Amino acid sequence: MKKIFRIVGFLEGISYLLLMSLGLYYKYVLNDPSFVKLFGMPHGLLFMLYLILAYLIKDEMQWKAKDLAIVFLGSIIPFGTFYVDKKYLQ
């Protein structure tokens, strides 16, 4: 389960960065919202899966409420999932 969570966290982090960089660049600079639509749905699904998996493995990882809150917060901060991987999963 931990390995799956790490993979989902990595993919969620990449999708978030793509959405915030390419997606917003194309939308606001080039007036083409297609990249936001392209990256938005996969990112949303990975985001929800990340939160669900974090909740499910909290006991296995022996996270306290503060640790779980940091893991959840890592999903909404750019590069946050990479920090969580390094600090809490290795």
C-alpha atoms as a PDB file:
ATOM      1  CA  MET A   1       0.000   0.000   0.000  1.00  0.00           C
ATOM      2  CA  LYS A   2       2.887   2.360   0.790  1.00  0.00           C
ATOM      3  CA  LYS A   3       4.401   1.783  -2.657  1.00  0.00           C
ATOM      4  CA  ILE A   4       1.080   2.574  -4.359  1.00  0.00           C
ATOM      5  CA  PHE A   5       0.756   5.724  -2.256  1.00  0.00           C
ATOM      6  CA  ARG A   6       4.251   6.835  -3.268  1.00  0.00           C
ATOM      7  CA  ILE A   7       3.463   6.303  -6.960  1.00  0.00           C
ATOM      8  CA  VAL A   8       0.157   8.173  -6.695  1.00  0.00           C
ATOM      9  CA  GLY A   9       1.903  10.968  -4.783  1.00  0.00           C
ATOM     10  CA  PHE A  10       4.543  11.298  -7.476  1.00  0.00           C
ATOM     11  CA  LEU A  11       1.954  11.340 -10.269  1.00  0.00           C
ATOM     12  CA  GLU A  12      -0.235  13.809  -8.355  1.00  0.00           C
ATOM     13  CA  GLY A  13       2.738  16.123  -7.867  1.00  0.00           C
ATOM     14  CA  ILE A  14       3.678  15.977 -11.546  1.00  0.00           C
ATOM     15  CA  SER A  15       0.092  16.546 -12.678  1.00  0.00           C
ATOM     16  CA  TYR A  16      -0.216  19.541 -10.325  1.00  0.00           C
ATOM     17  CA  LEU A  17       2.958  21.105 -11.663  1.00  0.00           C
ATOM     18  CA  LEU A  18       1.844  20.540 -15.261  1.00  0.00           C
ATOM     19  CA  LEU A  19      -1.545  22.049 -14.507  1.00  0.00           C
ATOM     20  CA  MET A  20      -0.042  25.096 -12.800  1.00  0.00           C
ATOM     21  CA  SER A  21       2.646  25.677 -15.401  1.00  0.00           C
ATOM     22  CA  LEU A  22       1.581  24.585 -18.876  1.00  0.00           C
ATOM     23  CA  GLY A  23      -2.142  24.651 -18.196  1.00  0.00           C
ATOM     24  CA  LEU A  24      -2.227  28.183 -16.838  1.00  0.00           C
ATOM     25  CA  TYR A  25       0.308  29.443 -19.381  1.00  0.00           C
ATOM     26  CA  TYR A  26      -1.793  28.210 -22.272  1.00  0.00           C
ATOM     27  CA  LYS A  27      -5.004  29.446 -20.705  1.00  0.00           C
ATOM     28  CA  TYR A  28      -3.969  32.984 -19.786  1.00  0.00           C
ATOM     29  CA  VAL A  29      -1.123  33.786 -22.164  1.00  0.00           C
ATOM     30  CA  LEU A  30      -2.226  31.957 -25.305  1.00  0.00           C
ATOM     31  CA  ASN A  31      -5.991  32.044 -24.580  1.00  0.00           C
ATOM     32  CA  ASP A  32      -6.284  28.290 -25.064  1.00  0.00           C
ATOM     33  CA  PRO A  33      -8.017  26.503 -22.155  1.00  0.00           C
ATOM     34  CA  SER A  34      -7.567  23.042 -23.676  1.00  0.00           C
ATOM     35  CA  PHE A  35      -4.526  22.196 -21.530  1.00  0.00           C
ATOM     36  CA  VAL A  36      -6.398  23.010 -18.326  1.00  0.00           C
ATOM     37  CA  LYS A  37      -9.094  20.581 -19.400  1.00  0.00           C
ATOM     38  CA  LEU A  38      -6.469  18.033 -20.437  1.00  0.00           C
ATOM     39  CA  PHE A  39      -4.559  18.135 -17.124  1.00  0.00           C
ATOM     40  CA  GLY A  40      -7.467  19.024 -14.839  1.00  0.00           C
ATOM     41  CA  MET A  41      -9.411  15.771 -14.769  1.00  0.00           C
ATOM     42  CA  PRO A  42      -6.423  13.434 -14.237  1.00  0.00           C
ATOM     43  CA  HIS A  43      -5.091  15.760 -11.548  1.00  0.00           C
ATOM     44  CA  GLY A  44      -8.453  15.814  -9.781  1.00  0.00           C
ATOM     45  CA  LEU A  45      -8.657  12.033  -9.768  1.00  0.00           C
ATOM     46  CA  LEU A  46      -5.076  11.666  -8.541  1.00  0.00           C
ATOM     47  CA  PHE A  47      -5.702  14.305  -5.857  1.00  0.00           C
ATOM     48  CA  MET A  48      -8.710  12.438  -4.493  1.00  0.00           C
ATOM     49  CA  LEU A  49      -6.887   9.095  -4.667  1.00  0.00           C
ATOM     50  CA  TYR A  50      -3.925  10.624  -2.827  1.00  0.00           C
ATOM     51  CA  LEU A  51      -6.136  11.856   0.024  1.00  0.00           C
ATOM     52  CA  ILE A  52      -7.974   8.537   0.302  1.00  0.00           C
ATOM     53  CA  LEU A  53      -4.760   6.505   0.296  1.00  0.00           C
ATOM     54  CA  ALA A  54      -3.164   8.826   2.864  1.00  0.00           C
ATOM     55  CA  TYR A  55      -6.098   8.255   5.179  1.00  0.00           C
ATOM     56  CA  LEU A  56      -5.974   4.502   4.641  1.00  0.00           C
ATOM     57  CA  ILE A  57      -2.262   4.118   5.404  1.00  0.00           C
ATOM     58  CA  LYS A  58      -2.116   6.493   8.370  1.00  0.00           C
ATOM     59  CA  ASP A  59      -2.269   3.611  10.866  1.00  0.00           C
ATOM     60  CA  GLU A  60       0.313   1.549   8.989  1.00  0.00           C
ATOM     61  CA  MET A  61       2.679   4.528   8.952  1.00  0.00           C
ATOM     62  CA  GLN A  62       1.810   5.445  12.545  1.00  0.00           C
ATOM     63  CA  TRP A  63       1.057   9.041  11.665  1.00  0.00           C
ATOM     64  CA  LYS A  64      -0.371  11.294  14.326  1.00  0.00           C
ATOM     65  CA  ALA A  65      -3.071  13.826  13.456  1.00  0.00           C
ATOM     66  CA  LYS A  66      -0.419  16.509  12.853  1.00  0.00           C
ATOM     67  CA  ASP A  67       1.485  14.257  10.449  1.00  0.00           C
ATOM     68  CA  LEU A  68      -1.674  13.385   8.554  1.00  0.00           C
ATOM     69  CA  ALA A  69      -2.550  17.092   8.297  1.00  0.00           C
ATOM     70  CA  ILE A  70       0.901  17.790   6.820  1.00  0.00           C
ATOM     71  CA  VAL A  71       0.466  14.938   4.336  1.00  0.00           C
ATOM     72  CA  PHE A  72      -2.935  16.341   3.324  1.00  0.00           C
ATOM     73  CA  LEU A  73      -1.487  19.855   3.064  1.00  0.00           C
ATOM     74  CA  GLY A  74       1.286  18.490   0.862  1.00  0.00           C
ATOM     75  CA  SER A  75      -1.301  17.671  -1.774  1.00  0.00           C
ATOM     76  CA  ILE A  76      -2.240  21.337  -2.303  1.00  0.00           C
ATOM     77  CA  ILE A  77       1.191  22.960  -2.127  1.00  0.00           C
ATOM     78  CA  PRO A  78       3.416  22.824  -5.219  1.00  0.00           C
ATOM     79  CA  PHE A  79       6.180  20.255  -4.671  1.00  0.00           C
ATOM     80  CA  GLY A  80       4.388  19.225  -1.457  1.00  0.00           C
ATOM     81  CA  THR A  81       3.948  15.595  -2.427  1.00  0.00           C
ATOM     82  CA  PHE A  82       7.688  15.323  -3.076  1.00  0.00           C
ATOM     83  CA  TYR A  83       8.384  16.715   0.404  1.00  0.00           C
ATOM     84  CA  VAL A  84       5.957  14.232   1.940  1.00  0.00           C
ATOM     85  CA  ASP A  85       7.639  11.377   0.079  1.00  0.00           C
ATOM     86  CA  LYS A  86      11.077  12.351   1.331  1.00  0.00           C
ATOM     87  CA  LYS A  87      10.091  13.201   4.913  1.00  0.00           C
ATOM     88  CA  TYR A  88       7.383  10.650   5.736  1.00  0.00           C
ATOM     89  CA  LEU A  89       7.755   7.717   3.353  1.00  0.00           C
ATOM     90  CA  GLN A  90      11.479   6.950   3.092  1.00  0.00           C
END
